[in-house]
Amino acid sequence: MLTTKVFQSGNSQALRIPKEVRTNREEFYIQRLGEGYVVFPVDDPWFPLRQTMGTFPQDFLEERDQPCCDDLPEREEL
């Protein structure tokens, strides 16, 4: 895994993009997840999902404890 540095650029913080992961794209979405960040191309917002599809093991969620929909409490009508 690569590391990078955060630096001040005017009134903003910026991340240096290492040469090994250089991009020609000019705009990205950024999402904070706790103390981490996820960035993905603005013109391809489904990129993170497509990258993870097929990476789960065959038995992923094969056994899970989810209540039957008949056991859910009644919801208040709008």
PDB file of N, CA and C in Angstrom:
ATOM      1  N   MET A   1       0.852  -1.177   0.000  1.00  0.00           N
ATOM      2  CA  MET A   1       0.000   0.000   0.000  1.00  0.00           C
ATOM      3  C   MET A   1       0.895   1.235   0.000  1.00  0.00           C
ATOM      4  N   LEU A   2       0.504   2.212  -0.783  1.00  0.00           N
ATOM      5  CA  LEU A   2       1.264   3.466  -0.873  1.00  0.00           C
ATOM      6  C   LEU A   2       0.879   4.412   0.257  1.00  0.00           C
ATOM      7  N   THR A   3       1.768   5.307   0.591  1.00  0.00           N
ATOM      8  CA  THR A   3       1.455   6.369   1.545  1.00  0.00           C
ATOM      9  C   THR A   3       1.642   7.707   0.843  1.00  0.00           C
ATOM     10  N   THR A   4       1.028   8.736   1.405  1.00  0.00           N
ATOM     11  CA  THR A   4       1.141  10.072   0.835  1.00  0.00           C
ATOM     12  C   THR A   4       1.122  11.091   1.962  1.00  0.00           C
ATOM     13  N   LYS A   5       1.338  12.334   1.640  1.00  0.00           N
ATOM     14  CA  LYS A   5       1.371  13.411   2.623  1.00  0.00           C
ATOM     15  C   LYS A   5       0.234  14.390   2.372  1.00  0.00           C
ATOM     16  N   VAL A   6      -0.248  14.979   3.438  1.00  0.00           N
ATOM     17  CA  VAL A   6      -1.229  16.061   3.371  1.00  0.00           C
ATOM     18  C   VAL A   6      -0.445  17.359   3.486  1.00  0.00           C
ATOM     19  N   PHE A   7      -0.813  18.341   2.649  1.00  0.00           N
ATOM     20  CA  PHE A   7      -0.137  19.635   2.729  1.00  0.00           C
ATOM     21  C   PHE A   7      -1.148  20.756   2.536  1.00  0.00           C
ATOM     22  N   GLN A   8      -0.741  21.963   2.925  1.00  0.00           N
ATOM     23  CA  GLN A   8      -1.594  23.137   2.790  1.00  0.00           C
ATOM     24  C   GLN A   8      -1.425  23.718   1.396  1.00  0.00           C
ATOM     25  N   SER A   9      -2.544  23.982   0.719  1.00  0.00           N
ATOM     26  CA  SER A   9      -2.542  24.605  -0.602  1.00  0.00           C
ATOM     27  C   SER A   9      -3.512  25.781  -0.543  1.00  0.00           C
ATOM     28  N   GLY A  10      -3.016  26.961  -0.299  1.00  0.00           N
ATOM     29  CA  GLY A  10      -3.897  28.117  -0.105  1.00  0.00           C
ATOM     30  C   GLY A  10      -4.666  27.924   1.189  1.00  0.00           C
ATOM     31  N   ASN A  11      -5.994  28.016   1.113  1.00  0.00           N
ATOM     32  CA  ASN A  11      -6.844  27.805   2.294  1.00  0.00           C
ATOM     33  C   ASN A  11      -7.340  26.370   2.407  1.00  0.00           C
ATOM     34  N   SER A  12      -6.858  25.477   1.558  1.00  0.00           N
ATOM     35  CA  SER A  12      -7.317  24.097   1.539  1.00  0.00           C
ATOM     36  C   SER A  12      -6.196  23.133   1.902  1.00  0.00           C
ATOM     37  N   GLN A  13      -6.587  21.943   2.291  1.00  0.00           N
ATOM     38  CA  GLN A  13      -5.621  20.856   2.442  1.00  0.00           C
ATOM     39  C   GLN A  13      -5.616  20.081   1.138  1.00  0.00           C
ATOM     40  N   ALA A  14      -4.486  19.480   0.819  1.00  0.00           N
ATOM     41  CA  ALA A  14      -4.362  18.703  -0.416  1.00  0.00           C
ATOM     42  C   ALA A  14      -3.581  17.426  -0.121  1.00  0.00           C
ATOM     43  N   LEU A  15      -3.782  16.418  -0.946  1.00  0.00           N
ATOM     44  CA  LEU A  15      -3.036  15.166  -0.876  1.00  0.00           C
ATOM     45  C   LEU A  15      -2.152  15.066  -2.095  1.00  0.00           C
ATOM     46  N   ARG A  16      -0.910  14.691  -1.889  1.00  0.00           N
ATOM     47  CA  ARG A  16      -0.018  14.437  -3.025  1.00  0.00           C
ATOM     48  C   ARG A  16      -0.379  13.072  -3.586  1.00  0.00           C
ATOM     49  N   ILE A  17      -0.563  12.990  -4.895  1.00  0.00           N
ATOM     50  CA  ILE A  17      -0.865  11.718  -5.555  1.00  0.00           C
ATOM     51  C   ILE A  17       0.459  11.098  -5.986  1.00  0.00           C
ATOM     52  N   PRO A  18       0.825   9.948  -5.428  1.00  0.00           N
ATOM     53  CA  PRO A  18       2.093   9.318  -5.815  1.00  0.00           C
ATOM     54  C   PRO A  18       2.127   8.967  -7.302  1.00  0.00           C
ATOM     55  N   LYS A  19       3.316   9.006  -7.867  1.00  0.00           N
ATOM     56  CA  LYS A  19       3.515   8.741  -9.291  1.00  0.00           C
ATOM     57  C   LYS A  19       2.906   7.405  -9.707  1.00  0.00           C
ATOM     58  N   GLU A  20       2.977   6.410  -8.841  1.00  0.00           N
ATOM     59  CA  GLU A  20       2.482   5.067  -9.176  1.00  0.00           C
ATOM     60  C   GLU A  20       0.972   5.009  -9.395  1.00  0.00           C
ATOM     61  N   VAL A  21       0.237   5.993  -8.894  1.00  0.00           N
ATOM     62  CA  VAL A  21      -1.220   6.008  -9.061  1.00  0.00           C
ATOM     63  C   VAL A  21      -1.702   7.298  -9.726  1.00  0.00           C
ATOM     64  N   ARG A  22      -0.827   7.937 -10.459  1.00  0.00           N
ATOM     65  CA  ARG A  22      -1.151   9.176 -11.168  1.00  0.00           C
ATOM     66  C   ARG A  22      -2.399   8.985 -12.034  1.00  0.00           C
ATOM     67  N   THR A  23      -3.177  10.053 -12.207  1.00  0.00           N
ATOM     68  CA  THR A  23      -4.410   9.996 -12.983  1.00  0.00           C
ATOM     69  C   THR A  23      -4.490  11.172 -13.953  1.00  0.00           C
ATOM     70  N   ASN A  24      -5.246  10.999 -15.013  1.00  0.00           N
ATOM     71  CA  ASN A  24      -5.526  12.090 -15.938  1.00  0.00           C
ATOM     72  C   ASN A  24      -6.839  12.790 -15.601  1.00  0.00           C
ATOM     73  N   ARG A  25      -7.591  12.207 -14.689  1.00  0.00           N
ATOM     74  CA  ARG A  25      -8.878  12.800 -14.297  1.00  0.00           C
ATOM     75  C   ARG A  25      -8.619  14.080 -13.499  1.00  0.00           C
ATOM     76  N   GLU A  26      -9.552  15.012 -13.587  1.00  0.00           N
ATOM     77  CA  GLU A  26      -9.385  16.291 -12.911  1.00  0.00           C
ATOM     78  C   GLU A  26     -10.313  16.490 -11.720  1.00  0.00           C
ATOM     79  N   GLU A  27     -11.352  15.625 -11.591  1.00  0.00           N
ATOM     80  CA  GLU A  27     -12.328  15.843 -10.526  1.00  0.00           C
ATOM     81  C   GLU A  27     -12.750  14.510  -9.914  1.00  0.00           C
ATOM     82  N   PHE A  28     -12.822  14.503  -8.578  1.00  0.00           N
ATOM     83  CA  PHE A  28     -13.197  13.305  -7.832  1.00  0.00           C
ATOM     84  C   PHE A  28     -14.197  13.658  -6.745  1.00  0.00           C
ATOM     85  N   TYR A  29     -15.059  12.704  -6.401  1.00  0.00           N
ATOM     86  CA  TYR A  29     -15.850  12.808  -5.185  1.00  0.00           C
ATOM     87  C   TYR A  29     -14.950  12.348  -4.052  1.00  0.00           C
ATOM     88  N   ILE A  30     -15.175  12.892  -2.852  1.00  0.00           N
ATOM     89  CA  ILE A  30     -14.451  12.415  -1.678  1.00  0.00           C
ATOM     90  C   ILE A  30     -15.462  12.189  -0.567  1.00  0.00           C
ATOM     91  N   GLN A  31     -15.329  11.069   0.124  1.00  0.00           N
ATOM     92  CA  GLN A  31     -16.236  10.705   1.213  1.00  0.00           C
ATOM     93  C   GLN A  31     -15.398  10.380   2.437  1.00  0.00           C
ATOM     94  N   ARG A  32     -15.726  10.970   3.543  1.00  0.00           N
ATOM     95  CA  ARG A  32     -15.021  10.673   4.781  1.00  0.00           C
ATOM     96  C   ARG A  32     -15.656   9.454   5.428  1.00  0.00           C
ATOM     97  N   LEU A  33     -14.839   8.506   5.834  1.00  0.00           N
ATOM     98  CA  LEU A  33     -15.289   7.314   6.552  1.00  0.00           C
ATOM     99  C   LEU A  33     -14.484   7.225   7.845  1.00  0.00           C
ATOM    100  N   GLY A  34     -15.042   7.775   8.920  1.00  0.00           N
ATOM    101  CA  GLY A  34     -14.304   7.812  10.181  1.00  0.00           C
ATOM    102  C   GLY A  34     -13.078   8.689  10.031  1.00  0.00           C
ATOM    103  N   GLU A  35     -11.909   8.096  10.250  1.00  0.00           N
ATOM    104  CA  GLU A  35     -10.644   8.823  10.096  1.00  0.00           C
ATOM    105  C   GLU A  35     -10.052   8.645   8.699  1.00  0.00           C
ATOM    106  N   GLY A  36     -10.740   7.932   7.817  1.00  0.00           N
ATOM    107  CA  GLY A  36     -10.230   7.688   6.467  1.00  0.00           C
ATOM    108  C   GLY A  36     -11.062   8.388   5.408  1.00  0.00           C
ATOM    109  N   TYR A  37     -10.613   8.280   4.175  1.00  0.00           N
ATOM    110  CA  TYR A  37     -11.311   8.904   3.042  1.00  0.00           C
ATOM    111  C   TYR A  37     -11.361   7.930   1.878  1.00  0.00           C
ATOM    112  N   VAL A  38     -12.419   8.045   1.090  1.00  0.00           N
ATOM    113  CA  VAL A  38     -12.543   7.292  -0.151  1.00  0.00           C
ATOM    114  C   VAL A  38     -12.749   8.319  -1.252  1.00  0.00           C
ATOM    115  N   VAL A  39     -11.999   8.215  -2.332  1.00  0.00           N
ATOM    116  CA  VAL A  39     -12.181   9.105  -3.474  1.00  0.00           C
ATOM    117  C   VAL A  39     -12.495   8.267  -4.704  1.00  0.00           C
ATOM    118  N   PHE A  40     -13.374   8.791  -5.573  1.00  0.00           N
ATOM    119  CA  PHE A  40     -13.687   8.108  -6.815  1.00  0.00           C
ATOM    120  C   PHE A  40     -14.103   9.125  -7.856  1.00  0.00           C
ATOM    121  N   PRO A  41     -13.945   8.785  -9.121  1.00  0.00           N
ATOM    122  CA  PRO A  41     -14.168   9.739 -10.203  1.00  0.00           C
ATOM    123  C   PRO A  41     -15.605  10.272 -10.253  1.00  0.00           C
ATOM    124  N   VAL A  42     -15.739  11.563 -10.454  1.00  0.00           N
ATOM    125  CA  VAL A  42     -17.056  12.199 -10.577  1.00  0.00           C
ATOM    126  C   VAL A  42     -17.814  11.630 -11.774  1.00  0.00           C
ATOM    127  N   ASP A  43     -17.105  11.342 -12.863  1.00  0.00           N
ATOM    128  CA  ASP A  43     -17.788  10.842 -14.060  1.00  0.00           C
ATOM    129  C   ASP A  43     -18.067   9.341 -13.992  1.00  0.00           C
ATOM    130  N   ASP A  44     -17.732   8.682 -12.859  1.00  0.00           N
ATOM    131  CA  ASP A  44     -17.968   7.245 -12.709  1.00  0.00           C
ATOM    132  C   ASP A  44     -18.276   6.929 -11.242  1.00  0.00           C
ATOM    133  N   PRO A  45     -19.421   7.441 -10.715  1.00  0.00           N
ATOM    134  CA  PRO A  45     -19.705   7.288  -9.287  1.00  0.00           C
ATOM    135  C   PRO A  45     -19.914   5.847  -8.835  1.00  0.00           C
ATOM    136  N   TRP A  46     -20.166   4.915  -9.748  1.00  0.00           N
ATOM    137  CA  TRP A  46     -20.353   3.508  -9.380  1.00  0.00           C
ATOM    138  C   TRP A  46     -19.037   2.742  -9.369  1.00  0.00           C
ATOM    139  N   PHE A  47     -17.923   3.411  -9.621  1.00  0.00           N
ATOM    140  CA  PHE A  47     -16.617   2.772  -9.671  1.00  0.00           C
ATOM    141  C   PHE A  47     -16.302   1.932  -8.425  1.00  0.00           C
ATOM    142  N   PRO A  48     -16.492   2.465  -7.204  1.00  0.00           N
ATOM    143  CA  PRO A  48     -16.155   1.657  -6.022  1.00  0.00           C
ATOM    144  C   PRO A  48     -16.956   0.363  -5.942  1.00  0.00           C
ATOM    145  N   LEU A  49     -18.230   0.414  -6.303  1.00  0.00           N
ATOM    146  CA  LEU A  49     -19.054  -0.797  -6.277  1.00  0.00           C
ATOM    147  C   LEU A  49     -18.556  -1.826  -7.282  1.00  0.00           C
ATOM    148  N   ARG A  50     -18.296  -1.390  -8.507  1.00  0.00           N
ATOM    149  CA  ARG A  50     -17.820  -2.325  -9.532  1.00  0.00           C
ATOM    150  C   ARG A  50     -16.479  -2.944  -9.162  1.00  0.00           C
ATOM    151  N   GLN A  51     -15.617  -2.175  -8.488  1.00  0.00           N
ATOM    152  CA  GLN A  51     -14.314  -2.695  -8.096  1.00  0.00           C
ATOM    153  C   GLN A  51     -14.434  -3.808  -7.059  1.00  0.00           C
ATOM    154  N   THR A  52     -15.473  -3.773  -6.221  1.00  0.00           N
ATOM    155  CA  THR A  52     -15.612  -4.782  -5.175  1.00  0.00           C
ATOM    156  C   THR A  52     -16.452  -5.974  -5.598  1.00  0.00           C
ATOM    157  N   MET A  53     -17.242  -5.844  -6.650  1.00  0.00           N
ATOM    158  CA  MET A  53     -18.069  -6.969  -7.109  1.00  0.00           C
ATOM    159  C   MET A  53     -17.167  -8.134  -7.496  1.00  0.00           C
ATOM    160  N   GLY A  54     -17.535  -9.306  -7.065  1.00  0.00           N
ATOM    161  CA  GLY A  54     -16.760 -10.483  -7.402  1.00  0.00           C
ATOM    162  C   GLY A  54     -15.602 -10.735  -6.458  1.00  0.00           C
ATOM    163  N   THR A  55     -15.393  -9.871  -5.474  1.00  0.00           N
ATOM    164  CA  THR A  55     -14.282 -10.077  -4.550  1.00  0.00           C
ATOM    165  C   THR A  55     -14.718 -10.776  -3.268  1.00  0.00           C
ATOM    166  N   PHE A  56     -16.012 -10.977  -3.095  1.00  0.00           N
ATOM    167  CA  PHE A  56     -16.505 -11.650  -1.902  1.00  0.00           C
ATOM    168  C   PHE A  56     -16.429 -13.159  -2.088  1.00  0.00           C
ATOM    169  N   PRO A  57     -16.157 -13.901  -1.019  1.00  0.00           N
ATOM    170  CA  PRO A  57     -16.095 -15.358  -1.143  1.00  0.00           C
ATOM    171  C   PRO A  57     -17.465 -15.944  -1.483  1.00  0.00           C
ATOM    172  N   GLN A  58     -17.466 -17.140  -2.051  1.00  0.00           N
ATOM    173  CA  GLN A  58     -18.708 -17.798  -2.459  1.00  0.00           C
ATOM    174  C   GLN A  58     -19.711 -17.905  -1.317  1.00  0.00           C
ATOM    175  N   ASP A  59     -19.229 -18.148  -0.090  1.00  0.00           N
ATOM    176  CA  ASP A  59     -20.133 -18.350   1.043  1.00  0.00           C
ATOM    177  C   ASP A  59     -20.446 -17.055   1.804  1.00  0.00           C
ATOM    178  N   PHE A  60     -20.148 -15.912   1.214  1.00  0.00           N
ATOM    179  CA  PHE A  60     -20.417 -14.635   1.862  1.00  0.00           C
ATOM    180  C   PHE A  60     -21.908 -14.508   2.162  1.00  0.00           C
ATOM    181  N   LEU A  61     -22.234 -14.269   3.403  1.00  0.00           N
ATOM    182  CA  LEU A  61     -23.610 -14.118   3.894  1.00  0.00           C
ATOM    183  C   LEU A  61     -24.475 -15.350   3.629  1.00  0.00           C
ATOM    184  N   GLU A  62     -23.859 -16.501   3.436  1.00  0.00           N
ATOM    185  CA  GLU A  62     -24.631 -17.726   3.238  1.00  0.00           C
ATOM    186  C   GLU A  62     -25.467 -18.016   4.472  1.00  0.00           C
ATOM    187  N   GLU A  63     -24.841 -17.850   5.620  1.00  0.00           N
ATOM    188  CA  GLU A  63     -25.555 -18.012   6.880  1.00  0.00           C
ATOM    189  C   GLU A  63     -25.628 -16.652   7.546  1.00  0.00           C
ATOM    190  N   ARG A  64     -26.809 -16.118   7.647  1.00  0.00           N
ATOM    191  CA  ARG A  64     -26.965 -14.834   8.315  1.00  0.00           C
ATOM    192  C   ARG A  64     -28.241 -14.826   9.122  1.00  0.00           C
ATOM    193  N   ASP A  65     -28.250 -14.058  10.163  1.00  0.00           N
ATOM    194  CA  ASP A  65     -29.370 -14.002  11.083  1.00  0.00           C
ATOM    195  C   ASP A  65     -30.192 -12.754  10.784  1.00  0.00           C
ATOM    196  N   GLN A  66     -31.167 -12.913   9.891  1.00  0.00           N
ATOM    197  CA  GLN A  66     -32.021 -11.789   9.529  1.00  0.00           C
ATOM    198  C   GLN A  66     -33.454 -12.179   9.830  1.00  0.00           C
ATOM    199  N   PRO A  67     -34.191 -11.326  10.517  1.00  0.00           N
ATOM    200  CA  PRO A  67     -35.576 -11.680  10.852  1.00  0.00           C
ATOM    201  C   PRO A  67     -36.446 -11.770   9.603  1.00  0.00           C
ATOM    202  N   CYS A  68     -37.424 -12.626   9.689  1.00  0.00           N
ATOM    203  CA  CYS A  68     -38.395 -12.757   8.601  1.00  0.00           C
ATOM    204  C   CYS A  68     -39.203 -11.467   8.519  1.00  0.00           C
ATOM    205  N   CYS A  69     -39.620 -11.093   7.341  1.00  0.00           N
ATOM    206  CA  CYS A  69     -40.387  -9.844   7.185  1.00  0.00           C
ATOM    207  C   CYS A  69     -41.712  -9.904   7.935  1.00  0.00           C
ATOM    208  N   ASP A  70     -42.226 -11.126   8.222  1.00  0.00           N
ATOM    209  CA  ASP A  70     -43.469 -11.255   8.986  1.00  0.00           C
ATOM    210  C   ASP A  70     -43.269 -10.883  10.447  1.00  0.00           C
ATOM    211  N   ASP A  71     -42.012 -10.902  10.922  1.00  0.00           N
ATOM    212  CA  ASP A  71     -41.717 -10.608  12.309  1.00  0.00           C
ATOM    213  C   ASP A  71     -41.424  -9.133  12.570  1.00  0.00           C
ATOM    214  N   LEU A  72     -41.470  -8.319  11.545  1.00  0.00           N
ATOM    215  CA  LEU A  72     -41.181  -6.897  11.722  1.00  0.00           C
ATOM    216  C   LEU A  72     -42.365  -6.176  12.353  1.00  0.00           C
ATOM    217  N   PRO A  73     -42.094  -5.170  13.182  1.00  0.00           N
ATOM    218  CA  PRO A  73     -43.214  -4.423  13.806  1.00  0.00           C
ATOM    219  C   PRO A  73     -43.955  -3.595  12.758  1.00  0.00           C
ATOM    220  N   GLU A  74     -45.206  -3.296  13.069  1.00  0.00           N
ATOM    221  CA  GLU A  74     -46.008  -2.455  12.178  1.00  0.00           C
ATOM    222  C   GLU A  74     -45.390  -1.064  12.099  1.00  0.00           C
ATOM    223  N   ARG A  75     -45.419  -0.480  10.897  1.00  0.00           N
ATOM    224  CA  ARG A  75     -44.906   0.871  10.718  1.00  0.00           C
ATOM    225  C   ARG A  75     -46.049   1.868  10.718  1.00  0.00           C
ATOM    226  N   GLU A  76     -45.746   3.036  11.207  1.00  0.00           N
ATOM    227  CA  GLU A  76     -46.721   4.113  11.237  1.00  0.00           C
ATOM    228  C   GLU A  76     -46.961   4.600   9.815  1.00  0.00           C
ATOM    229  N   GLU A  77     -48.224   4.805   9.443  1.00  0.00           N
ATOM    230  CA  GLU A  77     -48.525   5.305   8.105  1.00  0.00           C
ATOM    231  C   GLU A  77     -48.159   6.769   8.005  1.00  0.00           C
ATOM    232  N   LEU A  78     -47.813   7.192   6.774  1.00  0.00           N
ATOM    233  CA  LEU A  78     -47.468   8.598   6.553  1.00  0.00           C
ATOM    234  C   LEU A  78     -48.696   9.441   6.369  1.00  0.00           C
TER     235      LEU A  78
END
